[in-house]
Protein backbone atom coordinates (compact mmCIF):
# COMPACT_ATOMS: atom_id res chain seq x y z
CA UNK A 1 32.93 21.47 30.78
CA UNK A 2 34.69 22.54 27.65
CA UNK A 3 33.43 21.98 24.16
CA UNK A 4 35.98 19.52 23.58
CA UNK A 5 34.58 17.29 26.15
CA UNK A 6 31.30 16.92 24.32
CA UNK A 7 33.20 15.67 21.09
CA UNK A 8 32.27 11.88 20.28
CA UNK A 9 34.98 9.68 18.53
CA UNK A 10 33.87 7.73 15.59
CA UNK A 11 33.00 4.79 17.77
CA UNK A 12 30.09 6.85 18.95
CA UNK A 13 28.73 8.75 15.62
CA UNK A 14 28.67 5.24 13.95
CA UNK A 15 26.74 3.50 16.72
CA UNK A 16 24.00 5.64 17.17
CA UNK A 17 23.62 6.24 13.51
CA UNK A 18 23.17 2.40 13.30
CA UNK A 19 20.99 2.92 15.92
CA UNK A 20 18.83 5.30 14.84
CA UNK A 21 18.17 3.64 11.34
CA UNK A 22 17.70 0.18 12.63
CA UNK A 23 14.67 1.83 14.92
CA UNK A 24 13.79 4.24 11.62
CA UNK A 25 13.48 0.71 9.23
CA UNK A 26 11.70 -1.09 12.17
CA UNK A 27 9.03 2.02 12.91
CA UNK A 28 8.61 2.15 8.63
CA UNK A 29 7.86 -1.49 8.27
CA UNK A 30 5.32 -1.40 11.33
CA UNK A 31 3.37 1.34 9.78
CA UNK A 32 3.55 -0.22 6.17
CA UNK A 33 1.73 -3.48 7.43
CA UNK A 34 -0.50 -1.36 9.52
CA UNK A 35 -1.70 1.34 6.64
CA UNK A 36 -1.82 -1.91 4.42
CA UNK A 37 -4.07 -3.75 6.88
CA UNK A 38 -6.38 -0.43 7.45
CA UNK A 39 -6.98 -0.25 3.15
CA UNK A 40 -7.35 -3.48 2.94
CA UNK A 41 -10.21 -3.89 5.55
CA UNK A 42 -11.75 -0.69 3.86
CA UNK A 43 -11.60 -2.39 0.02
CA UNK A 44 -13.16 -5.59 1.88
CA UNK A 45 -16.08 -3.89 3.56
CA UNK A 46 -16.61 -1.61 0.31
CA UNK A 47 -16.97 -5.25 -1.64
CA UNK A 48 -19.48 -6.52 0.60
CA UNK A 49 -21.47 -3.43 0.77
CA UNK A 50 -21.69 -3.79 -3.07
CA UNK A 51 -22.19 -7.38 -3.30
CA UNK A 52 -25.61 -7.06 -0.47
CA UNK A 53 -26.83 -3.90 -2.56
CA UNK A 54 -26.66 -5.25 -5.86
CA UNK A 55 -24.15 -3.03 -7.26
CA UNK A 56 -20.92 -3.65 -8.89
CA UNK A 57 -17.64 -2.84 -10.53
CA UNK A 58 -18.53 -2.58 -13.76
CA UNK A 59 -15.77 -3.26 -16.30
CA UNK A 60 -15.56 -1.38 -19.73
CA UNK A 61 -12.79 -3.08 -21.22
CA UNK A 62 -14.30 -6.17 -21.00
CA UNK A 63 -15.58 -7.98 -24.75
CA UNK A 64 -18.70 -8.19 -24.66
CA UNK A 65 -20.88 -11.13 -27.04
CA UNK A 66 -22.29 -9.71 -30.18
CA UNK A 67 -25.44 -11.17 -31.34
CA UNK A 68 -24.02 -11.88 -35.19
CA UNK A 69 -26.80 -11.40 -38.06
CA UNK A 70 -26.73 -12.66 -41.67
CA UNK A 71 -27.21 -10.77 -44.35
CA UNK A 72 -28.87 -12.07 -47.25
CA UNK A 73 -28.05 -10.12 -50.50
CA UNK A 74 -30.71 -11.21 -53.30
């Protein structure tokens, strides 16, 4: 077998690149969904643990109601 027998024509190159591209895209989409499901599950478990333990997240940027005192000027 000579090296010239192993050369792929442009149609074969295009089809192989297309097939590998589609396979890679499908794999990427599957892994992205899997990672999102794993991440979401962990966050929900943490929220459940915090809710049952009595400790929760504190939002320091939320405005707090303040008591206004009147100062009398004499």
